[in-house]
Amino acid sequence: MDGFARRLRERAEELGISNAEVARRCGLGERQYAYYTAGTREPNLQALVKISRILGSSSDELLGMADPPSRTERERLLDRLSLAATSLTDQELRTVVAQTEALASPRTKRISKKSPTF
């Protein structure tokens, strides 16, 4: 049980979100989720599935039955971005996509300018 609680806390920290935010996104009460992260209670199957989905981990990983994949810094950042995007409205998501494309656009143009033309 302590391993499960530790893995919950570590994964939330890796994603840069608080336990309270995990609880909110799962539709669980903060106190209820705090019991899970303290190791004093276990979630039922439905709650475990919600938590796994929000944390972007399998239930096996959270329960310690499978090793989590080792992630590069880039993969951890992409995990954080993906998780944050799930809580945005459609309009906010459109704005973020436009901003991200604007950031990536100059880089794409620079790369293509460096490519030799034949």
PDB file of N, CA and C in Angstrom:
ATOM      1  N   MET A   1       0.823  -1.201   0.000  1.00  0.00           N
ATOM      2  CA  MET A   1       0.000   0.000   0.000  1.00  0.00           C
ATOM      3  C   MET A   1       0.863   1.260   0.000  1.00  0.00           C
ATOM      4  N   ASP A   2       1.941   1.244   0.768  1.00  0.00           N
ATOM      5  CA  ASP A   2       2.810   2.420   0.812  1.00  0.00           C
ATOM      6  C   ASP A   2       3.447   2.693  -0.541  1.00  0.00           C
ATOM      7  N   GLY A   3       3.777   1.627  -1.271  1.00  0.00           N
ATOM      8  CA  GLY A   3       4.353   1.795  -2.603  1.00  0.00           C
ATOM      9  C   GLY A   3       3.376   2.461  -3.547  1.00  0.00           C
ATOM     10  N   PHE A   4       2.110   2.057  -3.471  1.00  0.00           N
ATOM     11  CA  PHE A   4       1.072   2.667  -4.299  1.00  0.00           C
ATOM     12  C   PHE A   4       0.957   4.152  -3.989  1.00  0.00           C
ATOM     13  N   ALA A   5       0.905   4.488  -2.718  1.00  0.00           N
ATOM     14  CA  ALA A   5       0.791   5.892  -2.298  1.00  0.00           C
ATOM     15  C   ALA A   5       1.988   6.694  -2.795  1.00  0.00           C
ATOM     16  N   ARG A   6       3.170   6.121  -2.656  1.00  0.00           N
ATOM     17  CA  ARG A   6       4.385   6.809  -3.103  1.00  0.00           C
ATOM     18  C   ARG A   6       4.364   7.024  -4.613  1.00  0.00           C
ATOM     19  N   ARG A   7       3.941   6.011  -5.358  1.00  0.00           N
ATOM     20  CA  ARG A   7       3.884   6.145  -6.814  1.00  0.00           C
ATOM     21  C   ARG A   7       2.863   7.201  -7.247  1.00  0.00           C
ATOM     22  N   LEU A   8       1.742   7.299  -6.531  1.00  0.00           N
ATOM     23  CA  LEU A   8       0.763   8.351  -6.834  1.00  0.00           C
ATOM     24  C   LEU A   8       1.398   9.727  -6.666  1.00  0.00           C
ATOM     25  N   ARG A   9       2.062   9.918  -5.532  1.00  0.00           N
ATOM     26  CA  ARG A   9       2.680  11.219  -5.255  1.00  0.00           C
ATOM     27  C   ARG A   9       3.782  11.538  -6.259  1.00  0.00           C
ATOM     28  N   GLU A  10       4.622  10.545  -6.561  1.00  0.00           N
ATOM     29  CA  GLU A  10       5.730  10.771  -7.488  1.00  0.00           C
ATOM     30  C   GLU A  10       5.247  11.106  -8.898  1.00  0.00           C
ATOM     31  N   ARG A  11       4.217  10.403  -9.351  1.00  0.00           N
ATOM     32  CA  ARG A  11       3.728  10.655 -10.716  1.00  0.00           C
ATOM     33  C   ARG A  11       3.106  12.047 -10.821  1.00  0.00           C
ATOM     34  N   ALA A  12       2.344  12.450  -9.819  1.00  0.00           N
ATOM     35  CA  ALA A  12       1.764  13.796  -9.825  1.00  0.00           C
ATOM     36  C   ALA A  12       2.870  14.848  -9.820  1.00  0.00           C
ATOM     37  N   GLU A  13       3.896  14.611  -9.020  1.00  0.00           N
ATOM     38  CA  GLU A  13       5.018  15.549  -8.964  1.00  0.00           C
ATOM     39  C   GLU A  13       5.731  15.605 -10.315  1.00  0.00           C
ATOM     40  N   GLU A  14       5.911  14.449 -10.939  1.00  0.00           N
ATOM     41  CA  GLU A  14       6.552  14.393 -12.243  1.00  0.00           C
ATOM     42  C   GLU A  14       5.762  15.197 -13.283  1.00  0.00           C
ATOM     43  N   LEU A  15       4.442  15.183 -13.146  1.00  0.00           N
ATOM     44  CA  LEU A  15       3.579  15.926 -14.073  1.00  0.00           C
ATOM     45  C   LEU A  15       3.413  17.389 -13.676  1.00  0.00           C
ATOM     46  N   GLY A  16       3.924  17.751 -12.508  1.00  0.00           N
ATOM     47  CA  GLY A  16       3.851  19.135 -12.068  1.00  0.00           C
ATOM     48  C   GLY A  16       2.474  19.563 -11.590  1.00  0.00           C
ATOM     49  N   ILE A  17       1.697  18.609 -11.055  1.00  0.00           N
ATOM     50  CA  ILE A  17       0.374  18.948 -10.545  1.00  0.00           C
ATOM     51  C   ILE A  17       0.249  18.496  -9.096  1.00  0.00           C
ATOM     52  N   SER A  18      -0.594  19.186  -8.368  1.00  0.00           N
ATOM     53  CA  SER A  18      -0.791  18.857  -6.964  1.00  0.00           C
ATOM     54  C   SER A  18      -1.734  17.672  -6.812  1.00  0.00           C
ATOM     55  N   ASN A  19      -1.698  17.075  -5.635  1.00  0.00           N
ATOM     56  CA  ASN A  19      -2.636  15.988  -5.347  1.00  0.00           C
ATOM     57  C   ASN A  19      -4.071  16.492  -5.399  1.00  0.00           C
ATOM     58  N   ALA A  20      -4.284  17.720  -4.971  1.00  0.00           N
ATOM     59  CA  ALA A  20      -5.628  18.301  -5.023  1.00  0.00           C
ATOM     60  C   ALA A  20      -6.111  18.416  -6.470  1.00  0.00           C
ATOM     61  N   GLU A  21      -5.200  18.753  -7.373  1.00  0.00           N
ATOM     62  CA  GLU A  21      -5.563  18.869  -8.790  1.00  0.00           C
ATOM     63  C   GLU A  21      -5.868  17.496  -9.379  1.00  0.00           C
ATOM     64  N   VAL A  22      -5.104  16.489  -8.992  1.00  0.00           N
ATOM     65  CA  VAL A  22      -5.394  15.126  -9.451  1.00  0.00           C
ATOM     66  C   VAL A  22      -6.792  14.729  -8.992  1.00  0.00           C
ATOM     67  N   ALA A  23      -7.090  14.982  -7.737  1.00  0.00           N
ATOM     68  CA  ALA A  23      -8.410  14.648  -7.187  1.00  0.00           C
ATOM     69  C   ALA A  23      -9.511  15.351  -7.972  1.00  0.00           C
ATOM     70  N   ARG A  24      -9.322  16.640  -8.228  1.00  0.00           N
ATOM     71  CA  ARG A  24     -10.331  17.406  -8.954  1.00  0.00           C
ATOM     72  C   ARG A  24     -10.561  16.833 -10.348  1.00  0.00           C
ATOM     73  N   ARG A  25      -9.478  16.545 -11.057  1.00  0.00           N
ATOM     74  CA  ARG A  25      -9.605  16.029 -12.422  1.00  0.00           C
ATOM     75  C   ARG A  25     -10.212  14.633 -12.462  1.00  0.00           C
ATOM     76  N   CYS A  26     -10.048  13.892 -11.366  1.00  0.00           N
ATOM     77  CA  CYS A  26     -10.637  12.540 -11.289  1.00  0.00           C
ATOM     78  C   CYS A  26     -12.087  12.570 -10.825  1.00  0.00           C
ATOM     79  N   GLY A  27     -12.529  13.724 -10.342  1.00  0.00           N
ATOM     80  CA  GLY A  27     -13.875  13.812  -9.802  1.00  0.00           C
ATOM     81  C   GLY A  27     -13.967  13.216  -8.402  1.00  0.00           C
ATOM     82  N   LEU A  28     -12.844  13.219  -7.690  1.00  0.00           N
ATOM     83  CA  LEU A  28     -12.796  12.688  -6.326  1.00  0.00           C
ATOM     84  C   LEU A  28     -12.639  13.842  -5.342  1.00  0.00           C
ATOM     85  N   GLY A  29     -13.053  13.618  -4.135  1.00  0.00           N
ATOM     86  CA  GLY A  29     -12.840  14.616  -3.090  1.00  0.00           C
ATOM     87  C   GLY A  29     -11.367  14.663  -2.707  1.00  0.00           C
ATOM     88  N   GLU A  30     -10.903  15.840  -2.318  1.00  0.00           N
ATOM     89  CA  GLU A  30      -9.500  15.984  -1.923  1.00  0.00           C
ATOM     90  C   GLU A  30      -9.159  15.090  -0.747  1.00  0.00           C
ATOM     91  N   ARG A  31     -10.057  15.008   0.212  1.00  0.00           N
ATOM     92  CA  ARG A  31      -9.808  14.177   1.389  1.00  0.00           C
ATOM     93  C   ARG A  31      -9.707  12.707   0.993  1.00  0.00           C
ATOM     94  N   GLN A  32     -10.615  12.286   0.137  1.00  0.00           N
ATOM     95  CA  GLN A  32     -10.611  10.901  -0.325  1.00  0.00           C
ATOM     96  C   GLN A  32      -9.283  10.585  -1.018  1.00  0.00           C
ATOM     97  N   TYR A  33      -8.848  11.456  -1.906  1.00  0.00           N
ATOM     98  CA  TYR A  33      -7.592  11.226  -2.619  1.00  0.00           C
ATOM     99  C   TYR A  33      -6.406  11.297  -1.653  1.00  0.00           C
ATOM    100  N   ALA A  34      -6.492  12.170  -0.657  1.00  0.00           N
ATOM    101  CA  ALA A  34      -5.419  12.272   0.341  1.00  0.00           C
ATOM    102  C   ALA A  34      -5.239  10.952   1.089  1.00  0.00           C
ATOM    103  N   TYR A  35      -6.323  10.233   1.320  1.00  0.00           N
ATOM    104  CA  TYR A  35      -6.213   8.912   1.954  1.00  0.00           C
ATOM    105  C   TYR A  35      -5.392   7.972   1.075  1.00  0.00           C
ATOM    106  N   TYR A  36      -5.582   8.050  -0.221  1.00  0.00           N
ATOM    107  CA  TYR A  36      -4.841   7.187  -1.145  1.00  0.00           C
ATOM    108  C   TYR A  36      -3.357   7.539  -1.137  1.00  0.00           C
ATOM    109  N   THR A  37      -3.048   8.846  -1.167  1.00  0.00           N
ATOM    110  CA  THR A  37      -1.646   9.266  -1.207  1.00  0.00           C
ATOM    111  C   THR A  37      -0.952   9.078   0.137  1.00  0.00           C
ATOM    112  N   ALA A  38      -1.729   8.966   1.187  1.00  0.00           N
ATOM    113  CA  ALA A  38      -1.153   8.695   2.512  1.00  0.00           C
ATOM    114  C   ALA A  38      -1.006   7.196   2.766  1.00  0.00           C
ATOM    115  N   GLY A  39      -1.659   6.388   1.946  1.00  0.00           N
ATOM    116  CA  GLY A  39      -1.573   4.948   2.113  1.00  0.00           C
ATOM    117  C   GLY A  39      -2.514   4.396   3.166  1.00  0.00           C
ATOM    118  N   THR A  40      -3.516   5.190   3.566  1.00  0.00           N
ATOM    119  CA  THR A  40      -4.442   4.705   4.588  1.00  0.00           C
ATOM    120  C   THR A  40      -5.669   4.014   4.010  1.00  0.00           C
ATOM    121  N   ARG A  41      -5.958   4.276   2.743  1.00  0.00           N
ATOM    122  CA  ARG A  41      -7.084   3.619   2.065  1.00  0.00           C
ATOM    123  C   ARG A  41      -6.701   3.269   0.646  1.00  0.00           C
ATOM    124  N   GLU A  42      -7.438   2.332   0.088  1.00  0.00           N
ATOM    125  CA  GLU A  42      -7.234   1.932  -1.301  1.00  0.00           C
ATOM    126  C   GLU A  42      -8.433   2.370  -2.134  1.00  0.00           C
ATOM    127  N   PRO A  43      -8.190   2.817  -3.367  1.00  0.00           N
ATOM    128  CA  PRO A  43      -9.322   3.198  -4.216  1.00  0.00           C
ATOM    129  C   PRO A  43     -10.034   1.952  -4.738  1.00  0.00           C
ATOM    130  N   ASN A  44     -11.311   2.109  -5.046  1.00  0.00           N
ATOM    131  CA  ASN A  44     -12.009   1.011  -5.709  1.00  0.00           C
ATOM    132  C   ASN A  44     -11.550   0.989  -7.170  1.00  0.00           C
ATOM    133  N   LEU A  45     -11.998  -0.003  -7.903  1.00  0.00           N
ATOM    134  CA  LEU A  45     -11.538  -0.180  -9.278  1.00  0.00           C
ATOM    135  C   LEU A  45     -11.866   1.027 -10.158  1.00  0.00           C
ATOM    136  N   GLN A  46     -13.060   1.555 -10.007  1.00  0.00           N
ATOM    137  CA  GLN A  46     -13.463   2.707 -10.821  1.00  0.00           C
ATOM    138  C   GLN A  46     -12.560   3.908 -10.544  1.00  0.00           C
ATOM    139  N   ALA A  47     -12.268   4.175  -9.285  1.00  0.00           N
ATOM    140  CA  ALA A  47     -11.395   5.297  -8.929  1.00  0.00           C
ATOM    141  C   ALA A  47      -9.973   5.049  -9.426  1.00  0.00           C
ATOM    142  N   LEU A  48      -9.508   3.811  -9.329  1.00  0.00           N
ATOM    143  CA  LEU A  48      -8.163   3.473  -9.801  1.00  0.00           C
ATOM    144  C   LEU A  48      -8.032   3.741 -11.300  1.00  0.00           C
ATOM    145  N   VAL A  49      -9.045   3.379 -12.059  1.00  0.00           N
ATOM    146  CA  VAL A  49      -9.016   3.612 -13.504  1.00  0.00           C
ATOM    147  C   VAL A  49      -8.981   5.112 -13.798  1.00  0.00           C
ATOM    148  N   LYS A  50      -9.791   5.887 -13.095  1.00  0.00           N
ATOM    149  CA  LYS A  50      -9.792   7.348 -13.294  1.00  0.00           C
ATOM    150  C   LYS A  50      -8.427   7.943 -12.955  1.00  0.00           C
ATOM    151  N   ILE A  51      -7.866   7.523 -11.835  1.00  0.00           N
ATOM    152  CA  ILE A  51      -6.567   8.046 -11.405  1.00  0.00           C
ATOM    153  C   ILE A  51      -5.497   7.691 -12.424  1.00  0.00           C
ATOM    154  N   SER A  52      -5.502   6.452 -12.870  1.00  0.00           N
ATOM    155  CA  SER A  52      -4.521   6.008 -13.866  1.00  0.00           C
ATOM    156  C   SER A  52      -4.608   6.843 -15.128  1.00  0.00           C
ATOM    157  N   ARG A  53      -5.816   7.081 -15.582  1.00  0.00           N
ATOM    158  CA  ARG A  53      -6.030   7.852 -16.798  1.00  0.00           C
ATOM    159  C   ARG A  53      -5.512   9.283 -16.629  1.00  0.00           C
ATOM    160  N   ILE A  54      -5.835   9.904 -15.512  1.00  0.00           N
ATOM    161  CA  ILE A  54      -5.411  11.287 -15.276  1.00  0.00           C
ATOM    162  C   ILE A  54      -3.895  11.385 -15.154  1.00  0.00           C
ATOM    163  N   LEU A  55      -3.280  10.398 -14.500  1.00  0.00           N
ATOM    164  CA  LEU A  55      -1.829  10.432 -14.323  1.00  0.00           C
ATOM    165  C   LEU A  55      -1.069   9.886 -15.530  1.00  0.00           C
ATOM    166  N   GLY A  56      -1.796   9.400 -16.536  1.00  0.00           N
ATOM    167  CA  GLY A  56      -1.134   8.893 -17.726  1.00  0.00           C
ATOM    168  C   GLY A  56      -0.274   7.674 -17.442  1.00  0.00           C
ATOM    169  N   SER A  57      -0.715   6.860 -16.517  1.00  0.00           N
ATOM    170  CA  SER A  57      -0.006   5.637 -16.135  1.00  0.00           C
ATOM    171  C   SER A  57      -0.985   4.481 -16.169  1.00  0.00           C
ATOM    172  N   SER A  58      -0.461   3.285 -16.273  1.00  0.00           N
ATOM    173  CA  SER A  58      -1.351   2.128 -16.179  1.00  0.00           C
ATOM    174  C   SER A  58      -1.595   1.816 -14.712  1.00  0.00           C
ATOM    175  N   SER A  59      -2.691   1.150 -14.445  1.00  0.00           N
ATOM    176  CA  SER A  59      -2.967   0.750 -13.061  1.00  0.00           C
ATOM    177  C   SER A  59      -1.882  -0.210 -12.583  1.00  0.00           C
ATOM    178  N   ASP A  60      -1.370  -1.041 -13.472  1.00  0.00           N
ATOM    179  CA  ASP A  60      -0.276  -1.951 -13.098  1.00  0.00           C
ATOM    180  C   ASP A  60       0.950  -1.175 -12.626  1.00  0.00           C
ATOM    181  N   GLU A  61       1.274  -0.082 -13.314  1.00  0.00           N
ATOM    182  CA  GLU A  61       2.416   0.742 -12.902  1.00  0.00           C
ATOM    183  C   GLU A  61       2.174   1.347 -11.525  1.00  0.00           C
ATOM    184  N   LEU A  62       0.980   1.892 -11.316  1.00  0.00           N
ATOM    185  CA  LEU A  62       0.678   2.519 -10.026  1.00  0.00           C
ATOM    186  C   LEU A  62       0.660   1.507  -8.889  1.00  0.00           C
ATOM    187  N   LEU A  63       0.225   0.287  -9.192  1.00  0.00           N
ATOM    188  CA  LEU A  63       0.159  -0.754  -8.165  1.00  0.00           C
ATOM    189  C   LEU A  63       1.497  -1.459  -7.957  1.00  0.00           C
ATOM    190  N   GLY A  64       2.481  -1.135  -8.791  1.00  0.00           N
ATOM    191  CA  GLY A  64       3.802  -1.736  -8.640  1.00  0.00           C
ATOM    192  C   GLY A  64       3.922  -3.098  -9.289  1.00  0.00           C
ATOM    193  N   MET A  65       2.982  -3.444 -10.158  1.00  0.00           N
ATOM    194  CA  MET A  65       3.010  -4.741 -10.828  1.00  0.00           C
ATOM    195  C   MET A  65       3.765  -4.674 -12.154  1.00  0.00           C
ATOM    196  N   ALA A  66       4.080  -3.474 -12.597  1.00  0.00           N
ATOM    197  CA  ALA A  66       4.855  -3.269 -13.823  1.00  0.00           C
ATOM    198  C   ALA A  66       5.725  -2.045 -13.613  1.00  0.00           C
ATOM    199  N   ASP A  67       6.903  -2.084 -14.181  1.00  0.00           N
ATOM    200  CA  ASP A  67       7.794  -0.936 -14.087  1.00  0.00           C
ATOM    201  C   ASP A  67       7.312   0.152 -15.027  1.00  0.00           C
ATOM    202  N   PRO A  68       7.307   1.388 -14.544  1.00  0.00           N
ATOM    203  CA  PRO A  68       6.934   2.480 -15.448  1.00  0.00           C
ATOM    204  C   PRO A  68       8.016   2.643 -16.505  1.00  0.00           C
ATOM    205  N   PRO A  69       7.627   3.054 -17.686  1.00  0.00           N
ATOM    206  CA  PRO A  69       8.654   3.253 -18.716  1.00  0.00           C
ATOM    207  C   PRO A  69       9.569   4.401 -18.315  1.00  0.00           C
ATOM    208  N   SER A  70      10.847   4.254 -18.616  1.00  0.00           N
ATOM    209  CA  SER A  70      11.738   5.374 -18.320  1.00  0.00           C
ATOM    210  C   SER A  70      11.467   6.449 -19.370  1.00  0.00           C
ATOM    211  N   ARG A  71      11.319   7.655 -18.898  1.00  0.00           N
ATOM    212  CA  ARG A  71      10.960   8.759 -19.776  1.00  0.00           C
ATOM    213  C   ARG A  71      12.095   9.759 -19.838  1.00  0.00           C
ATOM    214  N   THR A  72      12.332  10.282 -21.026  1.00  0.00           N
ATOM    215  CA  THR A  72      13.310  11.351 -21.182  1.00  0.00           C
ATOM    216  C   THR A  72      12.682  12.642 -20.671  1.00  0.00           C
ATOM    217  N   GLU A  73      13.494  13.648 -20.518  1.00  0.00           N
ATOM    218  CA  GLU A  73      12.979  14.954 -20.095  1.00  0.00           C
ATOM    219  C   GLU A  73      11.932  15.448 -21.081  1.00  0.00           C
ATOM    220  N   ARG A  74      12.186  15.265 -22.367  1.00  0.00           N
ATOM    221  CA  ARG A  74      11.236  15.691 -23.404  1.00  0.00           C
ATOM    222  C   ARG A  74       9.913  14.947 -23.255  1.00  0.00           C
ATOM    223  N   GLU A  75       9.964  13.647 -23.012  1.00  0.00           N
ATOM    224  CA  GLU A  75       8.740  12.863 -22.837  1.00  0.00           C
ATOM    225  C   GLU A  75       7.966  13.304 -21.601  1.00  0.00           C
ATOM    226  N   ARG A  76       8.697  13.637 -20.525  1.00  0.00           N
ATOM    227  CA  ARG A  76       8.023  14.136 -19.313  1.00  0.00           C
ATOM    228  C   ARG A  76       7.338  15.471 -19.585  1.00  0.00           C
ATOM    229  N   LEU A  77       8.002  16.336 -20.348  1.00  0.00           N
ATOM    230  CA  LEU A  77       7.397  17.628 -20.696  1.00  0.00           C
ATOM    231  C   LEU A  77       6.172  17.434 -21.588  1.00  0.00           C
ATOM    232  N   LEU A  78       6.259  16.525 -22.539  1.00  0.00           N
ATOM    233  CA  LEU A  78       5.106  16.239 -23.400  1.00  0.00           C
ATOM    234  C   LEU A  78       3.959  15.645 -22.588  1.00  0.00           C
ATOM    235  N   ASP A  79       4.266  14.815 -21.592  1.00  0.00           N
ATOM    236  CA  ASP A  79       3.235  14.286 -20.695  1.00  0.00           C
ATOM    237  C   ASP A  79       2.525  15.425 -19.969  1.00  0.00           C
ATOM    238  N   ARG A  80       3.329  16.375 -19.464  1.00  0.00           N
ATOM    239  CA  ARG A  80       2.747  17.511 -18.748  1.00  0.00           C
ATOM    240  C   ARG A  80       1.860  18.346 -19.661  1.00  0.00           C
ATOM    241  N   LEU A  81       2.337  18.593 -20.878  1.00  0.00           N
ATOM    242  CA  LEU A  81       1.569  19.377 -21.841  1.00  0.00           C
ATOM    243  C   LEU A  81       0.259  18.677 -22.186  1.00  0.00           C
ATOM    244  N   SER A  82       0.338  17.399 -22.425  1.00  0.00           N
ATOM    245  CA  SER A  82      -0.857  16.621 -22.766  1.00  0.00           C
ATOM    246  C   SER A  82      -1.861  16.632 -21.626  1.00  0.00           C
ATOM    247  N   LEU A  83      -1.383  16.455 -20.413  1.00  0.00           N
ATOM    248  CA  LEU A  83      -2.275  16.465 -19.258  1.00  0.00           C
ATOM    249  C   LEU A  83      -2.938  17.825 -19.091  1.00  0.00           C
ATOM    250  N   ALA A  84      -2.157  18.885 -19.233  1.00  0.00           N
ATOM    251  CA  ALA A  84      -2.721  20.228 -19.102  1.00  0.00           C
ATOM    252  C   ALA A  84      -3.769  20.487 -20.174  1.00  0.00           C
ATOM    253  N   ALA A  85      -3.519  19.998 -21.377  1.00  0.00           N
ATOM    254  CA  ALA A  85      -4.447  20.231 -22.490  1.00  0.00           C
ATOM    255  C   ALA A  85      -5.806  19.587 -22.242  1.00  0.00           C
ATOM    256  N   THR A  86      -5.847  18.504 -21.505  1.00  0.00           N
ATOM    257  CA  THR A  86      -7.128  17.816 -21.273  1.00  0.00           C
ATOM    258  C   THR A  86      -8.097  18.647 -20.459  1.00  0.00           C
ATOM    259  N   SER A  87      -7.586  19.602 -19.699  1.00  0.00           N
ATOM    260  CA  SER A  87      -8.483  20.401 -18.862  1.00  0.00           C
ATOM    261  C   SER A  87      -8.881  21.731 -19.513  1.00  0.00           C
ATOM    262  N   LEU A  88      -8.440  21.963 -20.745  1.00  0.00           N
ATOM    263  CA  LEU A  88      -8.762  23.212 -21.436  1.00  0.00           C
ATOM    264  C   LEU A  88     -10.101  23.111 -22.158  1.00  0.00           C
ATOM    265  N   THR A  89     -10.730  24.265 -22.306  1.00  0.00           N
ATOM    266  CA  THR A  89     -11.923  24.320 -23.146  1.00  0.00           C
ATOM    267  C   THR A  89     -11.473  24.223 -24.604  1.00  0.00           C
ATOM    268  N   ASP A  90     -12.414  23.995 -25.502  1.00  0.00           N
ATOM    269  CA  ASP A  90     -12.068  23.914 -26.921  1.00  0.00           C
ATOM    270  C   ASP A  90     -11.416  25.206 -27.407  1.00  0.00           C
ATOM    271  N   GLN A  91     -11.937  26.336 -27.002  1.00  0.00           N
ATOM    272  CA  GLN A  91     -11.369  27.616 -27.430  1.00  0.00           C
ATOM    273  C   GLN A  91      -9.964  27.807 -26.870  1.00  0.00           C
ATOM    274  N   GLU A  92      -9.758  27.471 -25.613  1.00  0.00           N
ATOM    275  CA  GLU A  92      -8.415  27.574 -25.029  1.00  0.00           C
ATOM    276  C   GLU A  92      -7.444  26.650 -25.757  1.00  0.00           C
ATOM    277  N   LEU A  93      -7.912  25.452 -26.086  1.00  0.00           N
ATOM    278  CA  LEU A  93      -7.065  24.499 -26.799  1.00  0.00           C
ATOM    279  C   LEU A  93      -6.694  25.029 -28.188  1.00  0.00           C
ATOM    280  N   ARG A  94      -7.649  25.650 -28.877  1.00  0.00           N
ATOM    281  CA  ARG A  94      -7.346  26.251 -30.181  1.00  0.00           C
ATOM    282  C   ARG A  94      -6.258  27.311 -30.041  1.00  0.00           C
ATOM    283  N   THR A  95      -6.359  28.112 -28.995  1.00  0.00           N
ATOM    284  CA  THR A  95      -5.369  29.163 -28.748  1.00  0.00           C
ATOM    285  C   THR A  95      -3.993  28.562 -28.491  1.00  0.00           C
ATOM    286  N   VAL A  96      -3.942  27.535 -27.670  1.00  0.00           N
ATOM    287  CA  VAL A  96      -2.660  26.884 -27.362  1.00  0.00           C
ATOM    288  C   VAL A  96      -2.062  26.259 -28.620  1.00  0.00           C
ATOM    289  N   VAL A  97      -2.877  25.617 -29.425  1.00  0.00           N
ATOM    290  CA  VAL A  97      -2.391  25.016 -30.669  1.00  0.00           C
ATOM    291  C   VAL A  97      -1.833  26.100 -31.583  1.00  0.00           C
ATOM    292  N   ALA A  98      -2.537  27.208 -31.724  1.00  0.00           N
ATOM    293  CA  ALA A  98      -2.063  28.300 -32.576  1.00  0.00           C
ATOM    294  C   ALA A  98      -0.732  28.855 -32.050  1.00  0.00           C
ATOM    295  N   GLN A  99      -0.624  29.020 -30.742  1.00  0.00           N
ATOM    296  CA  GLN A  99       0.621  29.523 -30.155  1.00  0.00           C
ATOM    297  C   GLN A  99       1.768  28.534 -30.359  1.00  0.00           C
ATOM    298  N   THR A 100       1.475  27.261 -30.183  1.00  0.00           N
ATOM    299  CA  THR A 100       2.502  26.236 -30.357  1.00  0.00           C
ATOM    300  C   THR A 100       2.959  26.179 -31.803  1.00  0.00           C
ATOM    301  N   GLU A 101       2.010  26.249 -32.728  1.00  0.00           N
ATOM    302  CA  GLU A 101       2.369  26.258 -34.145  1.00  0.00           C
ATOM    303  C   GLU A 101       3.196  27.491 -34.495  1.00  0.00           C
ATOM    304  N   ALA A 102       2.869  28.629 -33.883  1.00  0.00           N
ATOM    305  CA  ALA A 102       3.638  29.848 -34.135  1.00  0.00           C
ATOM    306  C   ALA A 102       5.068  29.698 -33.612  1.00  0.00           C
ATOM    307  N   LEU A 103       5.228  29.069 -32.475  1.00  0.00           N
ATOM    308  CA  LEU A 103       6.569  28.827 -31.945  1.00  0.00           C
ATOM    309  C   LEU A 103       7.357  27.870 -32.834  1.00  0.00           C
ATOM    310  N   ALA A 104       6.688  26.858 -33.340  1.00  0.00           N
ATOM    311  CA  ALA A 104       7.360  25.845 -34.162  1.00  0.00           C
ATOM    312  C   ALA A 104       7.614  26.339 -35.580  1.00  0.00           C
ATOM    313  N   SER A 105       6.818  27.251 -36.081  1.00  0.00           N
ATOM    314  CA  SER A 105       6.910  27.706 -37.471  1.00  0.00           C
ATOM    315  C   SER A 105       8.277  28.276 -37.836  1.00  0.00           C
ATOM    316  N   PRO A 106       8.825  29.220 -37.090  1.00  0.00           N
ATOM    317  CA  PRO A 106      10.134  29.765 -37.474  1.00  0.00           C
ATOM    318  C   PRO A 106      11.215  28.686 -37.500  1.00  0.00           C
ATOM    319  N   ARG A 107      11.132  27.747 -36.586  1.00  0.00           N
ATOM    320  CA  ARG A 107      12.118  26.672 -36.523  1.00  0.00           C
ATOM    321  C   ARG A 107      12.038  25.821 -37.789  1.00  0.00           C
ATOM    322  N   THR A 108      10.840  25.529 -38.238  1.00  0.00           N
ATOM    323  CA  THR A 108      10.647  24.735 -39.445  1.00  0.00           C
ATOM    324  C   THR A 108      11.207  25.468 -40.652  1.00  0.00           C
ATOM    325  N   LYS A 109      10.966  26.767 -40.728  1.00  0.00           N
ATOM    326  CA  LYS A 109      11.466  27.556 -41.859  1.00  0.00           C
ATOM    327  C   LYS A 109      12.988  27.603 -41.850  1.00  0.00           C
ATOM    328  N   ARG A 110      13.593  27.739 -40.671  1.00  0.00           N
ATOM    329  CA  ARG A 110      15.053  27.777 -40.577  1.00  0.00           C
ATOM    330  C   ARG A 110      15.655  26.457 -41.034  1.00  0.00           C
ATOM    331  N   ILE A 111      15.050  25.379 -40.629  1.00  0.00           N
ATOM    332  CA  ILE A 111      15.567  24.065 -41.013  1.00  0.00           C
ATOM    333  C   ILE A 111      15.494  23.898 -42.523  1.00  0.00           C
ATOM    334  N   SER A 112      14.368  24.276 -43.120  1.00  0.00           N
ATOM    335  CA  SER A 112      14.234  24.107 -44.568  1.00  0.00           C
ATOM    336  C   SER A 112      15.165  25.034 -45.330  1.00  0.00           C
ATOM    337  N   LYS A 113      15.520  26.206 -44.777  1.00  0.00           N
ATOM    338  CA  LYS A 113      16.439  27.113 -45.445  1.00  0.00           C
ATOM    339  C   LYS A 113      17.864  26.533 -45.449  1.00  0.00           C
ATOM    340  N   LYS A 114      18.197  25.774 -44.408  1.00  0.00           N
ATOM    341  CA  LYS A 114      19.522  25.188 -44.326  1.00  0.00           C
ATOM    342  C   LYS A 114      19.669  23.976 -45.228  1.00  0.00           C
ATOM    343  N   SER A 115      18.565  23.387 -45.611  1.00  0.00           N
ATOM    344  CA  SER A 115      18.624  22.201 -46.465  1.00  0.00           C
ATOM    345  C   SER A 115      19.088  22.606 -47.862  1.00  0.00           C
ATOM    346  N   PRO A 116      20.000  21.838 -48.430  1.00  0.00           N
ATOM    347  CA  PRO A 116      20.464  22.198 -49.783  1.00  0.00           C
ATOM    348  C   PRO A 116      19.367  21.985 -50.806  1.00  0.00           C
ATOM    349  N   THR A 117      19.337  22.852 -51.779  1.00  0.00           N
ATOM    350  CA  THR A 117      18.360  22.725 -52.861  1.00  0.00           C
ATOM    351  C   THR A 117      19.071  22.237 -54.095  1.00  0.00           C
ATOM    352  N   PHE A 118      18.464  21.393 -54.830  1.00  0.00           N
ATOM    353  CA  PHE A 118      19.074  20.814 -56.027  1.00  0.00           C
ATOM    354  C   PHE A 118      18.300  21.195 -57.241  1.00  0.00           C
TER     355      PHE A 118
END
